[in-house]
Amino acid sequence: MELLLSGPELEQFKKYAESLGMTLEEAVTHAVRTETNRRYRLPVRPGRVVPFKGLKSDGAGEPHG
């Protein structure tokens, strides 16, 4: 993927990369990944288990209510 950055945007990314101790490319990748996850990924929540009982069978395959 190719990103076209203006002069001020490029300078911001250079400062961002320097503050994180990354290369410019790593910093841009990190920023894009972080923002994409924030926008499009659902929050992680613990799963909820709902127990239920199956139908009882008379042994011949016919269910009883």
N, C-alpha and C. Protein backbone atom coordinates (compact mmCIF):
# COMPACT_ATOMS: atom_id res chain seq x y z
N MET A 1 0.84 -1.16 0.00
CA MET A 1 0.00 0.00 0.00
C MET A 1 0.90 1.23 0.00
N GLU A 2 0.44 2.24 -0.67
CA GLU A 2 1.22 3.47 -0.75
C GLU A 2 0.43 4.60 -0.11
N LEU A 3 1.09 5.35 0.75
CA LEU A 3 0.48 6.51 1.39
C LEU A 3 1.16 7.77 0.89
N LEU A 4 0.36 8.76 0.56
CA LEU A 4 0.91 10.04 0.15
C LEU A 4 0.71 11.00 1.31
N LEU A 5 1.83 11.50 1.86
CA LEU A 5 1.78 12.38 3.02
C LEU A 5 2.21 13.79 2.62
N SER A 6 1.57 14.77 3.21
CA SER A 6 2.00 16.16 2.99
C SER A 6 3.27 16.38 3.81
N GLY A 7 3.91 17.51 3.60
CA GLY A 7 5.12 17.84 4.35
C GLY A 7 4.92 17.82 5.86
N PRO A 8 3.86 18.52 6.37
CA PRO A 8 3.62 18.51 7.82
C PRO A 8 3.29 17.11 8.38
N GLU A 9 2.56 16.31 7.59
CA GLU A 9 2.24 14.95 8.03
C GLU A 9 3.50 14.09 8.13
N LEU A 10 4.38 14.25 7.15
CA LEU A 10 5.63 13.51 7.15
C LEU A 10 6.47 13.89 8.36
N GLU A 11 6.52 15.17 8.68
CA GLU A 11 7.28 15.62 9.85
C GLU A 11 6.70 15.05 11.14
N GLN A 12 5.36 15.00 11.23
CA GLN A 12 4.72 14.41 12.41
C GLN A 12 5.09 12.94 12.55
N PHE A 13 5.08 12.22 11.44
CA PHE A 13 5.44 10.80 11.50
C PHE A 13 6.91 10.61 11.85
N LYS A 14 7.76 11.50 11.39
CA LYS A 14 9.18 11.39 11.75
C LYS A 14 9.36 11.57 13.26
N LYS A 15 8.66 12.55 13.84
CA LYS A 15 8.73 12.76 15.29
C LYS A 15 8.14 11.57 16.04
N TYR A 16 7.04 11.04 15.53
CA TYR A 16 6.39 9.87 16.12
C TYR A 16 7.34 8.67 16.10
N ALA A 17 8.00 8.45 14.98
CA ALA A 17 8.94 7.34 14.85
C ALA A 17 10.11 7.50 15.82
N GLU A 18 10.61 8.71 15.92
CA GLU A 18 11.73 8.98 16.81
C GLU A 18 11.34 8.74 18.27
N SER A 19 10.13 9.16 18.63
CA SER A 19 9.70 9.00 20.03
C SER A 19 9.51 7.53 20.39
N LEU A 20 9.18 6.69 19.41
CA LEU A 20 8.98 5.26 19.66
C LEU A 20 10.24 4.43 19.40
N GLY A 21 11.27 5.07 18.86
CA GLY A 21 12.49 4.36 18.54
C GLY A 21 12.32 3.41 17.36
N MET A 22 11.52 3.83 16.39
CA MET A 22 11.23 3.00 15.21
C MET A 22 11.71 3.72 13.96
N THR A 23 11.76 2.95 12.88
CA THR A 23 12.00 3.58 11.58
C THR A 23 10.71 4.27 11.15
N LEU A 24 10.81 5.13 10.17
CA LEU A 24 9.63 5.84 9.67
C LEU A 24 8.59 4.84 9.16
N GLU A 25 9.04 3.84 8.41
CA GLU A 25 8.12 2.83 7.87
C GLU A 25 7.42 2.05 8.99
N GLU A 26 8.17 1.66 10.02
CA GLU A 26 7.58 0.94 11.15
C GLU A 26 6.55 1.81 11.88
N ALA A 27 6.86 3.07 12.04
CA ALA A 27 5.95 3.98 12.74
C ALA A 27 4.65 4.17 11.96
N VAL A 28 4.74 4.33 10.65
CA VAL A 28 3.54 4.49 9.83
C VAL A 28 2.72 3.21 9.88
N THR A 29 3.36 2.05 9.78
CA THR A 29 2.66 0.77 9.86
C THR A 29 1.98 0.63 11.21
N HIS A 30 2.67 0.98 12.26
CA HIS A 30 2.11 0.91 13.62
C HIS A 30 0.89 1.82 13.75
N ALA A 31 0.99 3.04 13.27
CA ALA A 31 -0.12 3.99 13.37
C ALA A 31 -1.33 3.53 12.56
N VAL A 32 -1.10 3.04 11.36
CA VAL A 32 -2.20 2.57 10.51
C VAL A 32 -2.87 1.35 11.15
N ARG A 33 -2.07 0.41 11.64
CA ARG A 33 -2.62 -0.79 12.27
C ARG A 33 -3.43 -0.43 13.52
N THR A 34 -2.90 0.47 14.34
CA THR A 34 -3.58 0.88 15.56
C THR A 34 -4.93 1.54 15.25
N GLU A 35 -4.93 2.44 14.29
CA GLU A 35 -6.16 3.15 13.94
C GLU A 35 -7.17 2.21 13.28
N THR A 36 -6.71 1.30 12.44
CA THR A 36 -7.60 0.33 11.81
C THR A 36 -8.25 -0.55 12.86
N ASN A 37 -7.47 -1.04 13.82
CA ASN A 37 -8.03 -1.85 14.90
C ASN A 37 -9.03 -1.06 15.73
N ARG A 38 -8.74 0.19 16.01
CA ARG A 38 -9.64 1.01 16.81
C ARG A 38 -10.97 1.21 16.11
N ARG A 39 -10.91 1.41 14.80
CA ARG A 39 -12.14 1.70 14.05
C ARG A 39 -12.97 0.47 13.75
N TYR A 40 -12.33 -0.64 13.41
CA TYR A 40 -13.07 -1.75 12.83
C TYR A 40 -13.11 -3.04 13.64
N ARG A 41 -12.34 -3.14 14.69
CA ARG A 41 -12.32 -4.36 15.47
C ARG A 41 -13.30 -4.26 16.62
N LEU A 42 -14.05 -5.33 16.83
CA LEU A 42 -14.99 -5.36 17.94
C LEU A 42 -14.23 -5.54 19.24
N PRO A 43 -14.70 -4.92 20.32
CA PRO A 43 -14.02 -5.09 21.61
C PRO A 43 -14.10 -6.54 22.08
N VAL A 44 -13.04 -6.98 22.72
CA VAL A 44 -13.00 -8.36 23.21
C VAL A 44 -13.77 -8.42 24.52
N ARG A 45 -14.74 -9.32 24.55
CA ARG A 45 -15.53 -9.53 25.76
C ARG A 45 -15.51 -11.02 26.07
N PRO A 46 -15.61 -11.35 27.35
CA PRO A 46 -15.67 -12.77 27.67
C PRO A 46 -16.94 -13.40 27.10
N GLY A 47 -16.82 -14.63 26.65
CA GLY A 47 -17.96 -15.34 26.10
C GLY A 47 -18.99 -15.66 27.17
N ARG A 48 -20.22 -15.78 26.75
CA ARG A 48 -21.29 -16.10 27.69
C ARG A 48 -21.84 -17.47 27.31
N VAL A 49 -21.85 -18.38 28.27
CA VAL A 49 -22.34 -19.73 28.04
C VAL A 49 -23.76 -19.83 28.57
N VAL A 50 -24.68 -20.29 27.73
CA VAL A 50 -26.07 -20.45 28.13
C VAL A 50 -26.38 -21.94 28.11
N PRO A 51 -26.50 -22.56 29.29
CA PRO A 51 -26.78 -24.00 29.30
C PRO A 51 -28.24 -24.27 28.91
N PHE A 52 -28.45 -25.38 28.24
CA PHE A 52 -29.81 -25.79 27.92
C PHE A 52 -29.85 -27.31 27.90
N LYS A 53 -31.04 -27.87 28.05
CA LYS A 53 -31.20 -29.32 28.04
C LYS A 53 -31.79 -29.72 26.69
N GLY A 54 -31.26 -30.82 26.17
CA GLY A 54 -31.79 -31.35 24.93
C GLY A 54 -33.08 -32.10 25.18
N LEU A 55 -33.78 -32.46 24.10
CA LEU A 55 -35.01 -33.23 24.23
C LEU A 55 -34.69 -34.64 24.70
N LYS A 56 -35.55 -35.20 25.54
CA LYS A 56 -35.37 -36.58 25.98
C LYS A 56 -35.90 -37.51 24.91
N SER A 57 -35.28 -38.67 24.78
CA SER A 57 -35.68 -39.64 23.77
C SER A 57 -36.20 -40.89 24.46
N ASP A 58 -37.17 -41.57 23.83
CA ASP A 58 -37.72 -42.82 24.40
C ASP A 58 -36.89 -44.03 23.99
N GLY A 59 -35.77 -43.83 23.35
CA GLY A 59 -34.91 -44.93 22.94
C GLY A 59 -35.15 -45.33 21.50
N ALA A 60 -36.32 -45.00 20.95
CA ALA A 60 -36.65 -45.33 19.57
C ALA A 60 -36.42 -44.13 18.67
N GLY A 61 -35.87 -43.08 19.23
CA GLY A 61 -35.59 -41.92 18.44
C GLY A 61 -36.70 -40.89 18.45
N GLU A 62 -37.79 -41.16 19.13
CA GLU A 62 -38.88 -40.22 19.20
C GLU A 62 -38.69 -39.31 20.43
N PRO A 63 -38.66 -38.02 20.25
CA PRO A 63 -38.47 -37.13 21.40
C PRO A 63 -39.75 -37.01 22.22
N HIS A 64 -39.55 -36.85 23.53
CA HIS A 64 -40.67 -36.59 24.46
C HIS A 64 -40.49 -35.19 24.99
N GLY A 65 -41.57 -34.44 25.12
CA GLY A 65 -41.53 -33.07 25.60
C GLY A 65 -41.52 -32.98 27.03
